[in-house]
Protein backbone atom coordinates (compact mmCIF):
# COMPACT_ATOMS: atom_id res chain seq x y z
CA MET A 1 -2.84 -14.90 -14.36
CA ARG A 2 -2.76 -12.02 -16.81
CA VAL A 3 -2.14 -8.64 -15.27
CA LEU A 4 -2.29 -5.14 -16.77
CA GLY A 5 0.26 -2.99 -14.88
CA VAL A 6 -0.37 0.78 -14.94
CA ASP A 7 2.26 3.37 -13.90
CA PRO A 8 -0.02 6.38 -13.72
CA GLY A 9 0.95 9.76 -15.04
CA LEU A 10 -0.73 12.58 -16.87
CA THR A 11 1.94 13.08 -19.61
CA ARG A 12 3.12 9.48 -19.85
CA CYS A 13 1.02 6.61 -18.40
CA GLY A 14 2.97 3.35 -18.58
CA VAL A 15 1.06 0.19 -19.49
CA GLY A 16 2.30 -3.35 -19.57
CA VAL A 17 0.77 -6.81 -19.59
CA VAL A 18 2.41 -9.81 -18.05
CA GLU A 19 1.11 -13.37 -17.92
CA GLY A 20 2.19 -16.21 -15.60
CA VAL A 21 2.16 -17.56 -12.15
CA ALA A 22 4.50 -17.17 -9.11
CA GLY A 23 7.49 -19.45 -9.25
CA ARG A 24 7.38 -19.88 -13.11
CA PRO A 25 8.81 -17.88 -15.87
CA LEU A 26 6.71 -14.93 -16.91
CA THR A 27 5.84 -13.67 -20.26
CA MET A 28 5.37 -10.09 -21.48
CA LEU A 29 2.33 -9.75 -23.75
CA GLY A 30 2.64 -6.04 -24.41
CA VAL A 31 4.14 -2.77 -23.17
CA GLY A 32 3.69 0.84 -24.10
CA VAL A 33 2.87 4.36 -22.93
CA VAL A 34 -0.35 6.35 -23.22
CA ARG A 35 0.83 9.96 -23.94
CA THR A 36 -1.06 13.21 -23.59
CA PRO A 37 0.12 16.76 -24.54
CA ALA A 38 1.30 18.69 -21.52
CA ASP A 39 -0.47 21.86 -22.85
CA ALA A 40 -3.90 20.15 -23.31
CA GLU A 41 -6.77 20.78 -21.00
CA LEU A 42 -6.95 18.46 -18.05
CA GLY A 43 -10.27 16.91 -18.90
CA HIS A 44 -9.05 16.04 -22.46
CA ARG A 45 -5.86 14.51 -21.01
CA LEU A 46 -7.96 12.23 -18.73
CA VAL A 47 -10.17 11.18 -21.66
CA VAL A 48 -7.07 10.32 -23.74
CA ILE A 49 -5.78 8.17 -20.80
CA GLU A 50 -9.20 6.48 -20.42
CA ARG A 51 -9.31 5.59 -24.15
CA GLY A 52 -5.75 4.28 -24.10
CA ILE A 53 -6.36 2.10 -21.06
CA GLU A 54 -9.67 0.85 -22.53
CA GLU A 55 -7.77 -0.23 -25.66
CA TRP A 56 -5.29 -2.15 -23.61
CA LEU A 57 -8.08 -3.84 -21.65
CA ASP A 58 -10.01 -4.74 -24.87
CA GLU A 59 -6.83 -6.09 -26.61
CA HIS A 60 -5.31 -8.13 -23.77
CA ARG A 61 -8.31 -9.07 -21.58
CA PRO A 62 -6.42 -9.11 -18.18
CA ASP A 63 -7.62 -10.94 -15.08
CA CYS A 64 -6.75 -7.98 -12.99
CA VAL A 65 -5.16 -4.50 -12.96
CA ALA A 66 -2.23 -3.50 -10.76
CA VAL A 67 -1.79 0.26 -10.32
CA GLU A 68 1.02 2.10 -8.58
CA ARG A 69 -0.26 3.53 -5.23
CA VAL A 70 0.00 7.30 -5.23
CA PHE A 71 2.42 8.45 -2.53
CA ALA A 72 3.10 11.89 -1.10
CA GLN A 73 5.69 14.01 -2.78
CA HIS A 74 6.81 17.56 -2.26
CA ASN A 75 5.27 18.52 -5.58
CA VAL A 76 1.60 18.61 -5.03
CA ARG A 77 0.88 19.24 -8.71
CA THR A 78 2.67 16.06 -9.69
CA VAL A 79 0.81 14.04 -6.98
CA MET A 80 -2.58 15.36 -8.19
CA GLY A 81 -1.86 14.40 -11.84
CA THR A 82 -0.69 10.98 -10.84
CA ALA A 83 -3.74 10.47 -8.61
CA GLN A 84 -6.08 11.52 -11.46
CA ALA A 85 -4.50 9.16 -13.95
CA SER A 86 -4.51 6.43 -11.26
CA ALA A 87 -8.27 6.97 -10.67
CA VAL A 88 -8.91 6.67 -14.43
CA ALA A 89 -7.18 3.22 -14.57
CA MET A 90 -9.16 2.09 -11.51
CA LEU A 91 -12.39 3.26 -12.96
CA CYS A 92 -11.76 1.46 -16.28
CA ALA A 93 -11.07 -1.76 -14.47
CA ALA A 94 -14.10 -1.31 -12.19
CA ARG A 95 -16.41 -0.82 -15.09
CA ARG A 96 -15.39 -4.29 -16.30
CA GLY A 97 -15.57 -5.91 -12.89
CA LEU A 98 -11.82 -6.43 -12.76
CA PRO A 99 -10.12 -6.51 -9.43
CA VAL A 100 -7.67 -3.65 -8.83
CA ALA A 101 -4.50 -4.00 -6.69
CA LEU A 102 -2.48 -1.02 -5.53
CA HIS A 103 1.25 -1.44 -4.90
CA THR A 104 3.61 1.17 -3.53
CA PRO A 105 6.77 2.00 -5.50
CA SER A 106 8.90 0.54 -2.76
CA GLU A 107 6.90 -2.79 -2.76
CA VAL A 108 7.39 -2.99 -6.59
CA LYS A 109 11.09 -2.25 -6.38
CA ALA A 110 11.58 -4.81 -3.67
CA ALA A 111 9.64 -7.39 -5.52
CA VAL A 112 11.60 -7.16 -8.76
CA SER A 113 15.04 -6.12 -7.51
CA GLY A 114 15.25 -7.24 -3.90
CA SER A 115 15.60 -3.60 -2.66
CA GLY A 116 12.83 -1.15 -2.04
CA ARG A 117 15.32 1.63 -2.80
CA ALA A 118 16.32 0.40 -6.30
CA ASP A 119 16.73 3.13 -8.93
CA LYS A 120 14.96 3.23 -12.32
CA ALA A 121 17.94 1.60 -14.11
CA GLN A 122 17.97 -1.33 -11.68
CA VAL A 123 14.26 -1.88 -12.02
CA GLY A 124 14.56 -1.73 -15.81
CA ALA A 125 17.46 -4.15 -15.74
CA MET A 126 15.56 -6.65 -13.65
CA VAL A 127 12.36 -6.36 -15.69
CA THR A 128 14.47 -7.09 -18.78
CA ARG A 129 16.05 -10.14 -17.09
CA LEU A 130 12.79 -11.51 -15.57
CA LEU A 131 10.91 -11.26 -18.86
CA ARG A 132 13.86 -12.44 -20.95
CA LEU A 133 13.82 -9.25 -23.10
CA ASP A 134 16.69 -8.09 -25.38
CA ALA A 135 16.62 -4.54 -23.89
CA PRO A 136 14.92 -2.61 -21.13
CA PRO A 137 11.58 -1.14 -22.17
CA LYS A 138 11.68 2.58 -22.85
CA PRO A 139 10.62 4.97 -21.43
CA ALA A 140 11.01 4.03 -17.72
CA ASP A 141 7.25 4.37 -17.27
CA ALA A 142 6.75 1.37 -19.52
CA ALA A 143 9.30 -0.70 -17.54
CA ASP A 144 7.65 0.38 -14.25
CA ALA A 145 4.22 -0.76 -15.54
CA LEU A 146 5.73 -4.23 -16.28
CA ALA A 147 7.30 -4.22 -12.85
CA LEU A 148 3.88 -3.55 -11.32
CA ALA A 149 2.39 -6.55 -13.14
CA ILE A 150 5.28 -8.81 -12.08
CA CYS A 151 4.99 -7.63 -8.47
CA HIS A 152 1.29 -8.45 -8.45
CA ILE A 153 1.67 -11.91 -9.98
CA TRP A 154 4.21 -12.73 -7.34
CA ARG A 155 2.37 -11.13 -4.38
CA ALA A 156 -1.21 -12.12 -5.26
CA PRO A 157 -1.10 -15.71 -3.81
CA ALA A 158 0.00 -14.40 -0.43
CA LEU A 159 -2.41 -11.56 -0.52
CA ASN A 160 -5.25 -14.01 -1.31
CA ARG A 161 -4.27 -16.31 1.62
CA LEU A 162 -4.28 -13.28 3.93
CA GLN A 163 -7.72 -12.20 2.73
CA GLN A 164 -9.08 -15.78 3.19
CA ALA A 165 -7.57 -16.00 6.71
CA HIS A 166 -9.23 -12.65 7.65
CA ALA A 167 -12.53 -13.83 6.29
CA ALA A 168 -12.32 -17.10 8.11
CA ALA A 169 -11.46 -15.30 11.41
CA ALA A 170 -14.35 -12.89 11.00
CA ALA A 171 -16.72 -15.82 10.32
CA ARG A 172 -15.61 -17.58 13.52
CA THR A 173 -15.89 -14.55 15.66
CA PRO A 174 -19.39 -14.40 17.16
CA ARG A 175 -21.19 -11.16 16.66
CA VAL A 176 -22.48 -9.51 19.79
CA PRO A 177 -25.71 -7.64 19.10
CA ARG A 178 -25.34 -3.99 19.72
CA THR A 179 -27.49 -2.57 22.47
CA ALA A 180 -28.02 0.88 23.82
CA ALA A 181 -25.17 1.82 25.98
CA ALA A 182 -25.78 2.20 29.60
CA PRO A 183 -25.36 5.78 30.88
CA VAL A 184 -21.99 6.49 32.38
CA ARG A 185 -22.10 7.59 36.06
CA LYS A 186 -19.36 9.60 37.55
CA VAL A 187 -17.89 8.09 40.69
CA PRO A 188 -16.75 10.61 43.29
CA ARG A 189 -13.21 10.32 44.47
């Protein structure tokens, strides 16, 4: 499985491609950051992010895209920028018919480091170790994108089994046709 991980952000959008399967050594195929100027108009910044992600999709041809799920922060402005960059990544993948998986920061940290409360340095160190790199990718957004891809490769088999189990259960459950509801009568006490 080849996964493009995207750590969304308006100023720095981390991107990284990892290939492999759960339980086997993984290989980094590329890592980088799509940068936009902080003083540029929002629409222009989103177009730059879109072009950057499209280039990564063209070059690496991933099987799916893993994006960090936007979570609530105290800084609404930061959340909005992250959400907008996230939406661009999902749109680029959807245009190509690629599945998109969303993972929370704590899921990613737990997957690569064993602790959902790991700090950036711990995540970077584990990404370096897991991918057998000489040094942690810089900036941290790039390492986070690789961590997202690793997390998805490791979690995808379990997620697929869950989806299959839900689908099988839904197929076994007989559907009762909906009929007009009988009027409710009040019963005196």
